Amino acid sequence: MGVIVGPRVIDAGASLLSVLVSPVAVAAGYPSPAQDYFEGRIDLNAHLIKDVTSTYVVRVSGESMAGAGISDGDELIVNRALEPVDGSVVVAVLDGELTVKRLRITRTGVVLQAENPAYPDIVVPSLSDLLVWGVVTRCLHVV
């Protein structure tokens, strides 16, 4: 079903993530001559996190979002301050169960859409308890 395993707080004050950055893009098609130097450092916090006070990391369990590039074991950066809109990938709590799905808002109601044909979409019944816990902003894919 694509269940989320526990959120954890990102504490930017305790550990600033800084790595070297290449001055050229890496070719994903035909190889280009490699550069043997790096331009400087980038702060991964600045690239991955817009609001540290409302950002969490959750680990994915399951394959229901494989079509969206989210796989079992991946970690998602989730911002609880963002307003979910139709088409957002969200972490939702439906009747007490956590899940990650694409939010679809239709004329007839709300659907939590799976991105894998092996998993059914969840049409949210009107009397269900649905809370959109946060909006996924990044997927840290395990390779």
C-alpha atoms as a PDB file:
ATOM      1  CA  MET A   1       0.000   0.000   0.000  1.00  0.00           C
ATOM      2  CA  GLY A   2       2.996   2.348   0.294  1.00  0.00           C
ATOM      3  CA  VAL A   3       3.037   2.784   4.054  1.00  0.00           C
ATOM      4  CA  ILE A   4       5.358   5.311   5.621  1.00  0.00           C
ATOM      5  CA  VAL A   5       7.685   4.238   8.403  1.00  0.00           C
ATOM      6  CA  GLY A   6       8.060   6.937  11.072  1.00  0.00           C
ATOM      7  CA  PRO A   7       8.936  10.568  10.406  1.00  0.00           C
ATOM      8  CA  ARG A   8      12.100  12.012  11.784  1.00  0.00           C
ATOM      9  CA  VAL A   9      12.920  15.652  12.289  1.00  0.00           C
ATOM     10  CA  ILE A  10      15.611  17.302  10.197  1.00  0.00           C
ATOM     11  CA  ASP A  11      17.730  19.398  12.529  1.00  0.00           C
ATOM     12  CA  ALA A  12      19.624  21.746  10.226  1.00  0.00           C
ATOM     13  CA  GLY A  13      21.396  23.355  13.148  1.00  0.00           C
ATOM     14  CA  ALA A  14      23.038  20.109  14.244  1.00  0.00           C
ATOM     15  CA  SER A  15      24.292  18.912  10.884  1.00  0.00           C
ATOM     16  CA  LEU A  16      24.694  21.154   7.859  1.00  0.00           C
ATOM     17  CA  LEU A  17      25.066  19.037   4.765  1.00  0.00           C
ATOM     18  CA  SER A  18      27.758  20.436   2.523  1.00  0.00           C
ATOM     19  CA  VAL A  19      29.263  18.598  -0.446  1.00  0.00           C
ATOM     20  CA  LEU A  20      31.468  19.403  -3.401  1.00  0.00           C
ATOM     21  CA  VAL A  21      29.737  20.415  -6.622  1.00  0.00           C
ATOM     22  CA  SER A  22      30.991  19.845 -10.155  1.00  0.00           C
ATOM     23  CA  PRO A  23      31.063  22.893 -12.471  1.00  0.00           C
ATOM     24  CA  VAL A  24      29.677  20.810 -15.367  1.00  0.00           C
ATOM     25  CA  ALA A  25      26.665  18.557 -15.746  1.00  0.00           C
ATOM     26  CA  VAL A  26      27.287  14.821 -16.014  1.00  0.00           C
ATOM     27  CA  ALA A  27      26.137  13.354 -19.328  1.00  0.00           C
ATOM     28  CA  ALA A  28      23.424  10.725 -19.044  1.00  0.00           C
ATOM     29  CA  GLY A  29      23.586   9.992 -22.775  1.00  0.00           C
ATOM     30  CA  TYR A  30      26.870  10.030 -24.657  1.00  0.00           C
ATOM     31  CA  PRO A  31      29.898  10.621 -22.463  1.00  0.00           C
ATOM     32  CA  SER A  32      31.631  13.971 -22.520  1.00  0.00           C
ATOM     33  CA  PRO A  33      35.221  14.709 -21.513  1.00  0.00           C
ATOM     34  CA  ALA A  34      35.407  14.548 -17.713  1.00  0.00           C
ATOM     35  CA  GLN A  35      36.404  17.495 -15.573  1.00  0.00           C
ATOM     36  CA  ASP A  36      38.930  16.698 -12.864  1.00  0.00           C
ATOM     37  CA  TYR A  37      38.122  19.569 -10.526  1.00  0.00           C
ATOM     38  CA  PHE A  38      35.230  20.794  -8.444  1.00  0.00           C
ATOM     39  CA  GLU A  39      33.876  24.315  -8.247  1.00  0.00           C
ATOM     40  CA  GLY A  40      33.158  24.534  -4.534  1.00  0.00           C
ATOM     41  CA  ARG A  41      30.609  23.373  -2.013  1.00  0.00           C
ATOM     42  CA  ILE A  42      26.825  23.498  -1.933  1.00  0.00           C
ATOM     43  CA  ASP A  43      24.607  23.294   1.119  1.00  0.00           C
ATOM     44  CA  LEU A  44      22.193  20.394   0.616  1.00  0.00           C
ATOM     45  CA  ASN A  45      19.877  21.869   3.246  1.00  0.00           C
ATOM     46  CA  ALA A  46      19.348  24.926   1.040  1.00  0.00           C
ATOM     47  CA  HIS A  47      18.555  22.710  -1.976  1.00  0.00           C
ATOM     48  CA  LEU A  48      16.343  20.155  -0.256  1.00  0.00           C
ATOM     49  CA  ILE A  49      14.577  22.020   2.555  1.00  0.00           C
ATOM     50  CA  LYS A  50      12.505  25.178   2.189  1.00  0.00           C
ATOM     51  CA  ASP A  51      11.162  25.353   5.769  1.00  0.00           C
ATOM     52  CA  VAL A  52      13.150  23.464   8.409  1.00  0.00           C
ATOM     53  CA  THR A  53      10.449  23.901  11.061  1.00  0.00           C
ATOM     54  CA  SER A  54       7.864  21.922   9.085  1.00  0.00           C
ATOM     55  CA  THR A  55      10.030  19.464   7.138  1.00  0.00           C
ATOM     56  CA  TYR A  56      10.371  15.780   7.947  1.00  0.00           C
ATOM     57  CA  VAL A  57      11.943  12.716   6.378  1.00  0.00           C
ATOM     58  CA  VAL A  58       9.899   9.528   6.092  1.00  0.00           C
ATOM     59  CA  ARG A  59      10.927   6.119   4.770  1.00  0.00           C
ATOM     60  CA  VAL A  60       8.703   4.346   2.248  1.00  0.00           C
ATOM     61  CA  SER A  61       7.618   0.748   2.633  1.00  0.00           C
ATOM     62  CA  GLY A  62       5.976  -0.772  -0.437  1.00  0.00           C
ATOM     63  CA  GLU A  63       5.789  -0.287  -4.200  1.00  0.00           C
ATOM     64  CA  SER A  64       2.435   1.464  -4.746  1.00  0.00           C
ATOM     65  CA  MET A  65       4.157   4.657  -5.958  1.00  0.00           C
ATOM     66  CA  ALA A  66       6.755   3.048  -8.263  1.00  0.00           C
ATOM     67  CA  GLY A  67       5.333   4.844 -11.311  1.00  0.00           C
ATOM     68  CA  ALA A  68       6.129   8.164  -9.643  1.00  0.00           C
ATOM     69  CA  GLY A  69       9.736   7.068  -9.033  1.00  0.00           C
ATOM     70  CA  ILE A  70       9.144   6.276  -5.360  1.00  0.00           C
ATOM     71  CA  SER A  71      10.355   2.806  -4.349  1.00  0.00           C
ATOM     72  CA  ASP A  72      10.483   0.633  -1.254  1.00  0.00           C
ATOM     73  CA  GLY A  73      13.207   1.959   1.075  1.00  0.00           C
ATOM     74  CA  ASP A  74      13.326   5.451  -0.437  1.00  0.00           C
ATOM     75  CA  GLU A  75      13.196   8.422   1.892  1.00  0.00           C
ATOM     76  CA  LEU A  76      10.813  11.284   1.209  1.00  0.00           C
ATOM     77  CA  ILE A  77      11.256  14.883   2.251  1.00  0.00           C
ATOM     78  CA  VAL A  78       7.827  16.027   3.376  1.00  0.00           C
ATOM     79  CA  ASN A  79       6.778  19.614   4.066  1.00  0.00           C
ATOM     80  CA  ARG A  80       3.795  19.898   6.391  1.00  0.00           C
ATOM     81  CA  ALA A  81       3.368  23.635   5.731  1.00  0.00           C
ATOM     82  CA  LEU A  82       2.619  23.296   2.016  1.00  0.00           C
ATOM     83  CA  GLU A  83      -0.978  23.378   0.832  1.00  0.00           C
ATOM     84  CA  PRO A  84      -1.825  20.134  -0.970  1.00  0.00           C
ATOM     85  CA  VAL A  85      -3.406  20.567  -4.393  1.00  0.00           C
ATOM     86  CA  ASP A  86      -4.809  18.177  -6.966  1.00  0.00           C
ATOM     87  CA  GLY A  87      -1.873  16.151  -8.279  1.00  0.00           C
ATOM     88  CA  SER A  88       0.379  16.580  -5.225  1.00  0.00           C
ATOM     89  CA  VAL A  89       2.130  13.507  -3.883  1.00  0.00           C
ATOM     90  CA  VAL A  90       1.132  13.489  -0.235  1.00  0.00           C
ATOM     91  CA  VAL A  91       1.572  11.588   2.970  1.00  0.00           C
ATOM     92  CA  ALA A  92      -1.974  11.023   4.193  1.00  0.00           C
ATOM     93  CA  VAL A  93      -3.573   9.479   7.229  1.00  0.00           C
ATOM     94  CA  LEU A  94      -6.751   7.648   6.247  1.00  0.00           C
ATOM     95  CA  ASP A  95      -8.724   6.196   9.141  1.00  0.00           C
ATOM     96  CA  GLY A  96      -5.539   6.050  11.235  1.00  0.00           C
ATOM     97  CA  GLU A  97      -3.341   4.441   8.539  1.00  0.00           C
ATOM     98  CA  LEU A  98      -0.396   6.308   6.970  1.00  0.00           C
ATOM     99  CA  THR A  99       0.089   6.084   3.219  1.00  0.00           C
ATOM    100  CA  VAL A 100       1.811   7.935   0.395  1.00  0.00           C
ATOM    101  CA  LYS A 101      -0.294   8.562  -2.714  1.00  0.00           C
ATOM    102  CA  ARG A 102      -1.060  11.157  -5.364  1.00  0.00           C
ATOM    103  CA  LEU A 103      -3.927  13.368  -4.222  1.00  0.00           C
ATOM    104  CA  ARG A 104      -6.769  13.670  -6.728  1.00  0.00           C
ATOM    105  CA  ILE A 105      -9.615  16.062  -6.000  1.00  0.00           C
ATOM    106  CA  THR A 106     -12.580  15.327  -8.243  1.00  0.00           C
ATOM    107  CA  ARG A 107     -16.151  16.615  -8.510  1.00  0.00           C
ATOM    108  CA  THR A 108     -17.314  13.476  -6.761  1.00  0.00           C
ATOM    109  CA  GLY A 109     -14.753  13.468  -3.950  1.00  0.00           C
ATOM    110  CA  VAL A 110     -11.170  12.699  -3.027  1.00  0.00           C
ATOM    111  CA  VAL A 111      -9.076   9.863  -4.445  1.00  0.00           C
ATOM    112  CA  LEU A 112      -5.681   8.722  -3.181  1.00  0.00           C
ATOM    113  CA  GLN A 113      -4.153   7.496  -6.421  1.00  0.00           C
ATOM    114  CA  ALA A 114      -1.573   4.723  -6.555  1.00  0.00           C
ATOM    115  CA  GLU A 115       1.151   4.998  -9.192  1.00  0.00           C
ATOM    116  CA  ASN A 116       1.388   1.256  -9.762  1.00  0.00           C
ATOM    117  CA  PRO A 117      -1.310  -0.721 -11.621  1.00  0.00           C
ATOM    118  CA  ALA A 118      -0.904  -3.598  -9.137  1.00  0.00           C
ATOM    119  CA  TYR A 119      -2.394  -1.380  -6.410  1.00  0.00           C
ATOM    120  CA  PRO A 120      -5.921   0.045  -6.440  1.00  0.00           C
ATOM    121  CA  ASP A 121      -6.673   3.738  -6.051  1.00  0.00           C
ATOM    122  CA  ILE A 122      -8.373   4.583  -2.783  1.00  0.00           C
ATOM    123  CA  VAL A 123     -11.676   6.413  -3.231  1.00  0.00           C
ATOM    124  CA  VAL A 124     -12.088   8.171   0.096  1.00  0.00           C
ATOM    125  CA  PRO A 125     -15.603   7.599   1.462  1.00  0.00           C
ATOM    126  CA  SER A 126     -17.308  10.763   2.679  1.00  0.00           C
ATOM    127  CA  LEU A 127     -17.449   9.560   6.289  1.00  0.00           C
ATOM    128  CA  SER A 128     -13.777   8.584   6.431  1.00  0.00           C
ATOM    129  CA  ASP A 129     -11.262  10.388   8.561  1.00  0.00           C
ATOM    130  CA  LEU A 130      -8.684  11.794   6.101  1.00  0.00           C
ATOM    131  CA  LEU A 131      -5.786  14.028   7.085  1.00  0.00           C
ATOM    132  CA  VAL A 132      -3.216  15.143   4.531  1.00  0.00           C
ATOM    133  CA  TRP A 133      -0.163  15.033   6.788  1.00  0.00           C
ATOM    134  CA  GLY A 134       2.227  16.731   4.353  1.00  0.00           C
ATOM    135  CA  VAL A 135       3.301  17.279   0.760  1.00  0.00           C
ATOM    136  CA  VAL A 136       6.251  15.332  -0.636  1.00  0.00           C
ATOM    137  CA  THR A 137       8.866  17.703  -2.054  1.00  0.00           C
ATOM    138  CA  ARG A 138      11.748  15.314  -2.795  1.00  0.00           C
ATOM    139  CA  CYS A 139      12.457  11.614  -3.046  1.00  0.00           C
ATOM    140  CA  LEU A 140      15.857  10.373  -1.940  1.00  0.00           C
ATOM    141  CA  HIS A 141      16.074   7.265  -4.078  1.00  0.00           C
ATOM    142  CA  VAL A 142      18.205   4.338  -2.998  1.00  0.00           C
ATOM    143  CA  VAL A 143      20.318   3.076  -5.915  1.00  0.00           C
END
